[in-house]
Structures are given as structure tokens and as C-alpha cells.
Amino acid sequence: MHGTLDEPKFDVLRGIRDQADLYFDSGDIIKSGNLGIPIRPESAWPMLDRLECTASVLGNRETHILESAFNAKLAGAKHPLLCANLHRKDGTRPLLPHIIVSAQGIRIGIFAVMVPMVTERMATKAASAYLWDPPFKATSEEVAELRPNVDLLICLSHIGHRQDQELAERCPEINVIFGGHSHTVLSQPERVGSTYICQGGSHNRFAGMYEWHSDGTLTGSLIDMKSKP
């Protein structure tokens, strides 16, 4: 959404949210940029709370190499913020790697990965409180842990459409990938093997509404936010 969530758009999303069991955000919801530091709490977080967000993946806008700035960006967020490939430089993980929820009798595993901002090989490692592992490595670990225990496995990704396609090829155990970062618009779910990929562009132009069926298929499409009253 890139800081574009205001009350009129919230009202549209609220009407859509009331029809759904789950609601996800695929990253970059806040206004501050990659190295920006907000001077006041980000307004998107309380709105996402009012929308009863099930979980979201961190986007590059939601991260920072400094712990104080990172915390300032996330201040006010109350829903689960997921990022399995992020950890502190000392090895501890400050954010949730995954959650498991239930809806209509279906046990659903949800994990997330994002584009690596600082890696072991980068010179900026010295200045960063955090490091990012390769998304595919973290995904393999999450899939191995979650898949035996859930009926539906969802990945929230902020790594871009092409990487989502590769993720689906590498990890066919994932049922659905809700992706972001590349601003790709997929009017309907894209199927790669047995995995569905959904992306809704950027800047609150679209919201996706999807339905998971007992035969393992996913149907749905994007809703044009401008066409809503």
C-alpha cells in the first residue's frame, strides 16, 4: 500500500473483509522508505488492526538495519508480523517465523519470507543489527516443519513475482503464495505446478478475494478499488 491506506480506502477494505475468514497483507504497507525513520507512529498499523489482519509479511519499507529505527517502524502493529528469513545478528529471531490458525475446520499454516536486505556477504553487515537468510532456505525449513501438521499451507512473500514462481517450483508443498515487492498484477491466481500465486500490484489499486476449495483448487480475482463506492 506504500502509505496510501486512508479512511475511504479502509471503508472499502472493511466491506471486503467482512466477507472473508482470513485477511493478509503482502508487505510495504507503511509510508516510510527503506532507510526512513518515522517521526510519528505509522497510521497503517491501527487500520490493519481494525481490519483484523490475520498476518502480514515484512516488506523492505518495514525494515531497517538499526534496531531503534526498526522498532519505530513497527510501533503500533498488533497482528502477527512474519518473516522466517530474518534474524538478529547474534542469532536470535525477534519476529515470528510462522503461525497456525483454523477457519471452518481447516488447519492453516502461514509463514513468510522477504527480500534479503543485509546478508552475511554484504559489507553493511557490520552496521546492521539484523541479517537475512536466503528466502528459499528459510522456506524449505518452514515447509518441513509445517506441512505435516496443516491442511492448507500459505506463504506470504515479499520477494517478487519471478522469485515466487521459483519458490513454487522448489517447494510444491505450498498451496498458495500471496506475494508482493515486484508490483505485479495477476488478475487471477497463477498456477505453477500444484501451487497458486496471487499478487495485487501496489498502492492500494487492487484487493484480492479468493476461495480455497476442498479439492485443492483456488479461485478468485482482484477487485479494482477505484470501482468500489
C-alpha atoms as a PDB file:
ATOM      1  CA  MET A   1       0.000   0.000   0.000  1.00  0.00           C
ATOM      2  CA  HIS A   2       3.041   2.298   0.384  1.00  0.00           C
ATOM      3  CA  GLY A   3       1.374   4.592   2.902  1.00  0.00           C
ATOM      4  CA  THR A   4      -1.836   5.074   0.876  1.00  0.00           C
ATOM      5  CA  LEU A   5      -4.269   3.458   3.337  1.00  0.00           C
ATOM      6  CA  ASP A   6      -6.697   6.207   4.347  1.00  0.00           C
ATOM      7  CA  GLU A   7     -10.221   6.141   5.779  1.00  0.00           C
ATOM      8  CA  PRO A   8     -12.074   5.935   2.409  1.00  0.00           C
ATOM      9  CA  LYS A   9      -9.913   3.004   1.302  1.00  0.00           C
ATOM     10  CA  PHE A  10     -10.251   1.478   4.744  1.00  0.00           C
ATOM     11  CA  ASP A  11     -14.042   1.552   4.365  1.00  0.00           C
ATOM     12  CA  VAL A  12     -13.791  -0.347   1.072  1.00  0.00           C
ATOM     13  CA  LEU A  13     -11.480  -2.929   2.596  1.00  0.00           C
ATOM     14  CA  ARG A  14     -13.726  -3.267   5.636  1.00  0.00           C
ATOM     15  CA  GLY A  15     -16.625  -4.226   3.398  1.00  0.00           C
ATOM     16  CA  ILE A  16     -14.499  -6.829   1.653  1.00  0.00           C
ATOM     17  CA  ARG A  17     -13.018  -8.076   4.923  1.00  0.00           C
ATOM     18  CA  ASP A  18     -16.466  -8.763   6.348  1.00  0.00           C
ATOM     19  CA  GLN A  19     -16.934 -11.427   3.650  1.00  0.00           C
ATOM     20  CA  ALA A  20     -13.692 -13.292   4.397  1.00  0.00           C
ATOM     21  CA  ASP A  21     -12.353 -15.698   7.005  1.00  0.00           C
ATOM     22  CA  LEU A  22      -8.753 -14.501   6.644  1.00  0.00           C
ATOM     23  CA  TYR A  23      -7.037 -11.271   5.629  1.00  0.00           C
ATOM     24  CA  PHE A  24      -3.369 -10.881   4.675  1.00  0.00           C
ATOM     25  CA  ASP A  25      -1.033  -8.035   3.727  1.00  0.00           C
ATOM     26  CA  SER A  26       1.968  -8.733   1.498  1.00  0.00           C
ATOM     27  CA  GLY A  27       4.325  -6.009   2.741  1.00  0.00           C
ATOM     28  CA  ASP A  28       5.280  -2.368   2.172  1.00  0.00           C
ATOM     29  CA  ILE A  29       2.145  -1.063   3.851  1.00  0.00           C
ATOM     30  CA  ILE A  30       3.785   1.868   5.665  1.00  0.00           C
ATOM     31  CA  LYS A  31       4.821   5.262   4.340  1.00  0.00           C
ATOM     32  CA  SER A  32       8.474   5.357   5.492  1.00  0.00           C
ATOM     33  CA  GLY A  33      11.006   4.239   2.911  1.00  0.00           C
ATOM     34  CA  ASN A  34      13.762   1.655   3.269  1.00  0.00           C
ATOM     35  CA  LEU A  35      16.099   3.813   5.332  1.00  0.00           C
ATOM     36  CA  GLY A  36      13.443   6.249   6.511  1.00  0.00           C
ATOM     37  CA  ILE A  37      12.618   6.684  10.188  1.00  0.00           C
ATOM     38  CA  PRO A  38       9.040   7.742  11.024  1.00  0.00           C
ATOM     39  CA  ILE A  39       8.700  10.831  13.220  1.00  0.00           C
ATOM     40  CA  ARG A  40       5.320   9.594  14.443  1.00  0.00           C
ATOM     41  CA  PRO A  41       3.688   6.128  14.611  1.00  0.00           C
ATOM     42  CA  GLU A  42       2.692   4.782  11.213  1.00  0.00           C
ATOM     43  CA  SER A  43      -1.057   5.241  10.682  1.00  0.00           C
ATOM     44  CA  ALA A  44      -1.438   1.994   8.739  1.00  0.00           C
ATOM     45  CA  TRP A  45      -0.931  -0.242  11.772  1.00  0.00           C
ATOM     46  CA  PRO A  46      -4.081   0.668  13.725  1.00  0.00           C
ATOM     47  CA  MET A  47      -6.086   0.449  10.498  1.00  0.00           C
ATOM     48  CA  LEU A  48      -4.720  -3.037   9.862  1.00  0.00           C
ATOM     49  CA  ASP A  49      -5.700  -3.931  13.413  1.00  0.00           C
ATOM     50  CA  ARG A  50      -9.230  -2.673  12.778  1.00  0.00           C
ATOM     51  CA  LEU A  51      -9.295  -4.831   9.657  1.00  0.00           C
ATOM     52  CA  GLU A  52      -8.415  -7.828  11.847  1.00  0.00           C
ATOM     53  CA  CYS A  53      -5.377  -8.701   9.766  1.00  0.00           C
ATOM     54  CA  THR A  54      -4.576 -12.390  10.157  1.00  0.00           C
ATOM     55  CA  ALA A  55      -0.884 -11.877   9.361  1.00  0.00           C
ATOM     56  CA  SER A  56       1.454  -9.884   7.161  1.00  0.00           C
ATOM     57  CA  VAL A  57       4.935 -10.270   5.756  1.00  0.00           C
ATOM     58  CA  LEU A  58       7.513  -7.582   6.334  1.00  0.00           C
ATOM     59  CA  GLY A  59       8.306  -5.528   3.256  1.00  0.00           C
ATOM     60  CA  ASN A  60      11.530  -3.630   2.730  1.00  0.00           C
ATOM     61  CA  ARG A  61       9.740  -0.491   3.943  1.00  0.00           C
ATOM     62  CA  GLU A  62       9.045  -2.151   7.281  1.00  0.00           C
ATOM     63  CA  THR A  63      12.708  -2.942   7.998  1.00  0.00           C
ATOM     64  CA  HIS A  64      15.856  -1.086   8.991  1.00  0.00           C
ATOM     65  CA  ILE A  65      19.423  -2.021   9.868  1.00  0.00           C
ATOM     66  CA  LEU A  66      19.224  -0.129  13.193  1.00  0.00           C
ATOM     67  CA  GLU A  67      17.178  -1.729  15.962  1.00  0.00           C
ATOM     68  CA  SER A  68      15.720   1.561  17.215  1.00  0.00           C
ATOM     69  CA  ALA A  69      14.555   2.544  13.722  1.00  0.00           C
ATOM     70  CA  PHE A  70      13.205  -0.957  13.079  1.00  0.00           C
ATOM     71  CA  ASN A  71      11.171  -0.779  16.286  1.00  0.00           C
ATOM     72  CA  ALA A  72       9.898   2.703  15.394  1.00  0.00           C
ATOM     73  CA  LYS A  73       8.619   1.443  12.047  1.00  0.00           C
ATOM     74  CA  LEU A  74       6.732  -1.431  13.670  1.00  0.00           C
ATOM     75  CA  ALA A  75       5.376   0.580  16.605  1.00  0.00           C
ATOM     76  CA  GLY A  76       1.614   0.136  16.803  1.00  0.00           C
ATOM     77  CA  ALA A  77       1.415  -3.165  14.911  1.00  0.00           C
ATOM     78  CA  LYS A  78      -0.662  -5.685  16.871  1.00  0.00           C
ATOM     79  CA  HIS A  79      -1.204  -8.500  14.369  1.00  0.00           C
ATOM     80  CA  PRO A  80       1.393 -11.210  13.602  1.00  0.00           C
ATOM     81  CA  LEU A  81       4.282  -9.845  11.539  1.00  0.00           C
ATOM     82  CA  LEU A  82       6.016 -12.775   9.891  1.00  0.00           C
ATOM     83  CA  CYS A  83       9.453 -13.172   8.346  1.00  0.00           C
ATOM     84  CA  ALA A  84      11.111 -16.568   8.560  1.00  0.00           C
ATOM     85  CA  ASN A  85      14.382 -15.496   6.927  1.00  0.00           C
ATOM     86  CA  LEU A  86      15.118 -12.607   9.316  1.00  0.00           C
ATOM     87  CA  HIS A  87      17.195 -12.945  12.455  1.00  0.00           C
ATOM     88  CA  ARG A  88      19.272 -10.816  14.745  1.00  0.00           C
ATOM     89  CA  LYS A  89      22.985 -10.819  14.063  1.00  0.00           C
ATOM     90  CA  ASP A  90      23.535 -12.650  17.357  1.00  0.00           C
ATOM     91  CA  GLY A  91      21.375 -15.486  16.012  1.00  0.00           C
ATOM     92  CA  THR A  92      18.099 -14.872  17.859  1.00  0.00           C
ATOM     93  CA  ARG A  93      14.882 -14.295  15.942  1.00  0.00           C
ATOM     94  CA  PRO A  94      12.883 -11.226  17.013  1.00  0.00           C
ATOM     95  CA  LEU A  95       9.865 -11.969  14.811  1.00  0.00           C
ATOM     96  CA  LEU A  96       7.529 -14.912  14.388  1.00  0.00           C
ATOM     97  CA  PRO A  97       8.605 -17.477  11.793  1.00  0.00           C
ATOM     98  CA  HIS A  98       5.047 -18.825  11.369  1.00  0.00           C
ATOM     99  CA  ILE A  99       1.578 -19.191  12.850  1.00  0.00           C
ATOM    100  CA  ILE A 100      -1.129 -21.848  12.640  1.00  0.00           C
ATOM    101  CA  VAL A 101      -4.791 -20.804  12.586  1.00  0.00           C
ATOM    102  CA  SER A 102      -8.100 -22.571  11.993  1.00  0.00           C
ATOM    103  CA  ALA A 103     -11.011 -21.487   9.814  1.00  0.00           C
ATOM    104  CA  GLN A 104     -14.123 -23.509   9.027  1.00  0.00           C
ATOM    105  CA  GLY A 105     -12.479 -26.666  10.325  1.00  0.00           C
ATOM    106  CA  ILE A 106      -9.345 -26.236   8.180  1.00  0.00           C
ATOM    107  CA  ARG A 107      -5.955 -26.070   9.903  1.00  0.00           C
ATOM    108  CA  ILE A 108      -3.875 -23.436   8.128  1.00  0.00           C
ATOM    109  CA  GLY A 109      -0.128 -22.886   8.391  1.00  0.00           C
ATOM    110  CA  ILE A 110       1.151 -19.422   7.478  1.00  0.00           C
ATOM    111  CA  PHE A 111       4.789 -18.364   7.131  1.00  0.00           C
ATOM    112  CA  ALA A 112       6.545 -15.522   5.344  1.00  0.00           C
ATOM    113  CA  VAL A 113       9.797 -14.616   3.611  1.00  0.00           C
ATOM    114  CA  MET A 114      11.060 -11.311   2.275  1.00  0.00           C
ATOM    115  CA  VAL A 115      13.806  -9.978   0.028  1.00  0.00           C
ATOM    116  CA  PRO A 116      17.153 -10.093   1.899  1.00  0.00           C
ATOM    117  CA  MET A 117      18.199  -6.589   2.925  1.00  0.00           C
ATOM    118  CA  VAL A 118      21.539  -7.427   4.583  1.00  0.00           C
ATOM    119  CA  THR A 119      23.268 -10.774   4.164  1.00  0.00           C
ATOM    120  CA  GLU A 120      26.392 -12.416   5.570  1.00  0.00           C
ATOM    121  CA  ARG A 121      28.330 -11.408   2.457  1.00  0.00           C
ATOM    122  CA  MET A 122      27.460  -7.702   2.446  1.00  0.00           C
ATOM    123  CA  ALA A 123      29.774  -5.028   3.838  1.00  0.00           C
ATOM    124  CA  THR A 124      26.747  -3.394   5.517  1.00  0.00           C
ATOM    125  CA  LYS A 125      26.621  -6.418   7.843  1.00  0.00           C
ATOM    126  CA  ALA A 126      28.964  -4.552  10.195  1.00  0.00           C
ATOM    127  CA  ALA A 127      26.417  -1.766  10.728  1.00  0.00           C
ATOM    128  CA  SER A 128      23.262  -3.908  10.848  1.00  0.00           C
ATOM    129  CA  ALA A 129      21.602  -5.415  13.900  1.00  0.00           C
ATOM    130  CA  TYR A 130      19.871  -7.923  11.611  1.00  0.00           C
ATOM    131  CA  LEU A 131      20.701 -10.398   8.878  1.00  0.00           C
ATOM    132  CA  TRP A 132      18.512 -12.055   6.276  1.00  0.00           C
ATOM    133  CA  ASP A 133      18.912 -15.663   5.155  1.00  0.00           C
ATOM    134  CA  PRO A 134      18.157 -16.733   1.568  1.00  0.00           C
ATOM    135  CA  PRO A 135      14.344 -16.993   1.205  1.00  0.00           C
ATOM    136  CA  PHE A 136      14.496 -20.469  -0.352  1.00  0.00           C
ATOM    137  CA  LYS A 137      16.481 -21.909   2.545  1.00  0.00           C
ATOM    138  CA  ALA A 138      14.091 -20.480   5.123  1.00  0.00           C
ATOM    139  CA  THR A 139      11.104 -21.677   3.106  1.00  0.00           C
ATOM    140  CA  SER A 140      12.388 -25.249   2.969  1.00  0.00           C
ATOM    141  CA  GLU A 141      12.765 -25.250   6.743  1.00  0.00           C
ATOM    142  CA  GLU A 142       9.272 -23.843   7.307  1.00  0.00           C
ATOM    143  CA  VAL A 143       7.677 -26.286   4.863  1.00  0.00           C
ATOM    144  CA  ALA A 144       9.349 -29.243   6.547  1.00  0.00           C
ATOM    145  CA  GLU A 145       8.028 -28.156   9.939  1.00  0.00           C
ATOM    146  CA  LEU A 146       4.524 -27.037   8.980  1.00  0.00           C
ATOM    147  CA  ARG A 147       3.345 -29.300   6.152  1.00  0.00           C
ATOM    148  CA  PRO A 148       2.765 -32.461   8.244  1.00  0.00           C
ATOM    149  CA  ASN A 149       0.607 -30.508  10.709  1.00  0.00           C
ATOM    150  CA  VAL A 150      -1.729 -28.466   8.486  1.00  0.00           C
ATOM    151  CA  ASP A 151      -4.365 -28.921   5.796  1.00  0.00           C
ATOM    152  CA  LEU A 152      -3.507 -25.716   3.942  1.00  0.00           C
ATOM    153  CA  LEU A 153      -0.048 -24.133   3.711  1.00  0.00           C
ATOM    154  CA  ILE A 154       0.210 -20.444   2.825  1.00  0.00           C
ATOM    155  CA  CYS A 155       3.357 -18.442   2.146  1.00  0.00           C
ATOM    156  CA  LEU A 156       3.265 -14.646   2.397  1.00  0.00           C
ATOM    157  CA  SER A 157       6.148 -13.419   0.299  1.00  0.00           C
ATOM    158  CA  HIS A 158       7.801 -10.106  -0.411  1.00  0.00           C
ATOM    159  CA  ILE A 159      10.387 -11.317  -2.906  1.00  0.00           C
ATOM    160  CA  GLY A 160       8.780 -10.531  -6.277  1.00  0.00           C
ATOM    161  CA  HIS A 161       6.802 -12.465  -8.875  1.00  0.00           C
ATOM    162  CA  ARG A 162       9.707 -14.240 -10.575  1.00  0.00           C
ATOM    163  CA  GLN A 163      11.023 -15.436  -7.222  1.00  0.00           C
ATOM    164  CA  ASP A 164       7.513 -16.564  -6.257  1.00  0.00           C
ATOM    165  CA  GLN A 165       7.460 -18.734  -9.361  1.00  0.00           C
ATOM    166  CA  GLU A 166      10.794 -20.269  -8.413  1.00  0.00           C
ATOM    167  CA  LEU A 167       9.571 -20.759  -4.860  1.00  0.00           C
ATOM    168  CA  ALA A 168       6.534 -22.661  -6.161  1.00  0.00           C
ATOM    169  CA  GLU A 169       8.768 -24.868  -8.299  1.00  0.00           C
ATOM    170  CA  ARG A 170      11.177 -25.600  -5.463  1.00  0.00           C
ATOM    171  CA  CYS A 171       8.534 -26.151  -2.772  1.00  0.00           C
ATOM    172  CA  PRO A 172       5.401 -27.688  -4.331  1.00  0.00           C
ATOM    173  CA  GLU A 173       4.136 -28.484  -0.832  1.00  0.00           C
ATOM    174  CA  ILE A 174       2.996 -24.846  -0.565  1.00  0.00           C
ATOM    175  CA  ASN A 175      -0.650 -24.463  -1.560  1.00  0.00           C
ATOM    176  CA  VAL A 176      -0.820 -20.688  -2.009  1.00  0.00           C
ATOM    177  CA  ILE A 177       1.688 -17.832  -2.244  1.00  0.00           C
ATOM    178  CA  PHE A 178       0.394 -14.315  -1.616  1.00  0.00           C
ATOM    179  CA  GLY A 179       3.204 -12.170  -2.956  1.00  0.00           C
ATOM    180  CA  GLY A 180       4.442  -8.622  -3.225  1.00  0.00           C
ATOM    181  CA  HIS A 181       7.531  -6.468  -3.918  1.00  0.00           C
ATOM    182  CA  SER A 182       7.513  -6.568  -7.745  1.00  0.00           C
ATOM    183  CA  HIS A 183       4.149  -4.733  -8.018  1.00  0.00           C
ATOM    184  CA  THR A 184       2.935  -7.447 -10.373  1.00  0.00           C
ATOM    185  CA  VAL A 185      -0.792  -7.508 -11.172  1.00  0.00           C
ATOM    186  CA  LEU A 186      -2.250 -11.004 -11.524  1.00  0.00           C
ATOM    187  CA  SER A 187      -5.946 -10.603 -12.255  1.00  0.00           C
ATOM    188  CA  GLN A 188      -6.494 -14.257 -11.365  1.00  0.00           C
ATOM    189  CA  PRO A 189      -4.395 -16.797  -9.451  1.00  0.00           C
ATOM    190  CA  GLU A 190      -1.462 -18.141 -11.432  1.00  0.00           C
ATOM    191  CA  ARG A 191      -0.804 -21.870 -11.089  1.00  0.00           C
ATOM    192  CA  VAL A 192       2.752 -23.180 -11.040  1.00  0.00           C
ATOM    193  CA  GLY A 193       2.636 -26.938 -10.619  1.00  0.00           C
ATOM    194  CA  SER A 194       0.325 -27.520  -7.682  1.00  0.00           C
ATOM    195  CA  THR A 195       0.894 -24.064  -6.146  1.00  0.00           C
ATOM    196  CA  TYR A 196      -1.189 -20.925  -6.722  1.00  0.00           C
ATOM    197  CA  ILE A 197       0.420 -17.473  -6.832  1.00  0.00           C
ATOM    198  CA  CYS A 198      -1.566 -14.301  -6.156  1.00  0.00           C
ATOM    199  CA  GLN A 199      -0.283 -10.737  -6.489  1.00  0.00           C
ATOM    200  CA  GLY A 200      -2.233  -7.486  -6.431  1.00  0.00           C
ATOM    201  CA  GLY A 201       0.048  -4.747  -7.696  1.00  0.00           C
ATOM    202  CA  SER A 202       0.774  -1.786  -5.428  1.00  0.00           C
ATOM    203  CA  HIS A 203      -0.515   1.471  -3.926  1.00  0.00           C
ATOM    204  CA  ASN A 204      -3.936   0.067  -2.994  1.00  0.00           C
ATOM    205  CA  ARG A 205      -5.086  -0.254  -6.592  1.00  0.00           C
ATOM    206  CA  PHE A 206      -6.454  -3.741  -6.041  1.00  0.00           C
ATOM    207  CA  ALA A 207      -7.510  -6.118  -3.302  1.00  0.00           C
ATOM    208  CA  GLY A 208      -7.689  -9.852  -3.906  1.00  0.00           C
ATOM    209  CA  MET A 209     -10.614 -12.054  -2.876  1.00  0.00           C
ATOM    210  CA  TYR A 210     -10.003 -15.800  -3.087  1.00  0.00           C
ATOM    211  CA  GLU A 211     -11.714 -19.015  -2.071  1.00  0.00           C
ATOM    212  CA  TRP A 212      -9.961 -22.263  -1.211  1.00  0.00           C
ATOM    213  CA  HIS A 213     -11.816 -25.438  -2.182  1.00  0.00           C
ATOM    214  CA  SER A 214     -11.669 -28.892  -0.631  1.00  0.00           C
ATOM    215  CA  ASP A 215     -10.323 -30.371  -3.887  1.00  0.00           C
ATOM    216  CA  GLY A 216      -7.169 -28.252  -3.542  1.00  0.00           C
ATOM    217  CA  THR A 217      -8.084 -25.549  -6.044  1.00  0.00           C
ATOM    218  CA  LEU A 218      -8.105 -21.797  -5.514  1.00  0.00           C
ATOM    219  CA  THR A 219     -10.475 -19.449  -7.301  1.00  0.00           C
ATOM    220  CA  GLY A 220     -10.922 -15.699  -7.154  1.00  0.00           C
ATOM    221  CA  SER A 221      -9.719 -12.457  -8.662  1.00  0.00           C
ATOM    222  CA  LEU A 222      -8.619  -8.917  -7.980  1.00  0.00           C
ATOM    223  CA  ILE A 223     -11.098  -6.231  -7.030  1.00  0.00           C
ATOM    224  CA  ASP A 224     -10.450  -2.778  -8.512  1.00  0.00           C
ATOM    225  CA  MET A 225     -10.518  -0.435  -5.525  1.00  0.00           C
ATOM    226  CA  LYS A 226     -11.486   2.501  -7.746  1.00  0.00           C
ATOM    227  CA  SER A 227     -14.662   0.752  -8.859  1.00  0.00           C
ATOM    228  CA  LYS A 228     -15.881   0.356  -5.286  1.00  0.00           C
ATOM    229  CA  PRO A 229     -18.151   3.037  -3.795  1.00  0.00           C
END
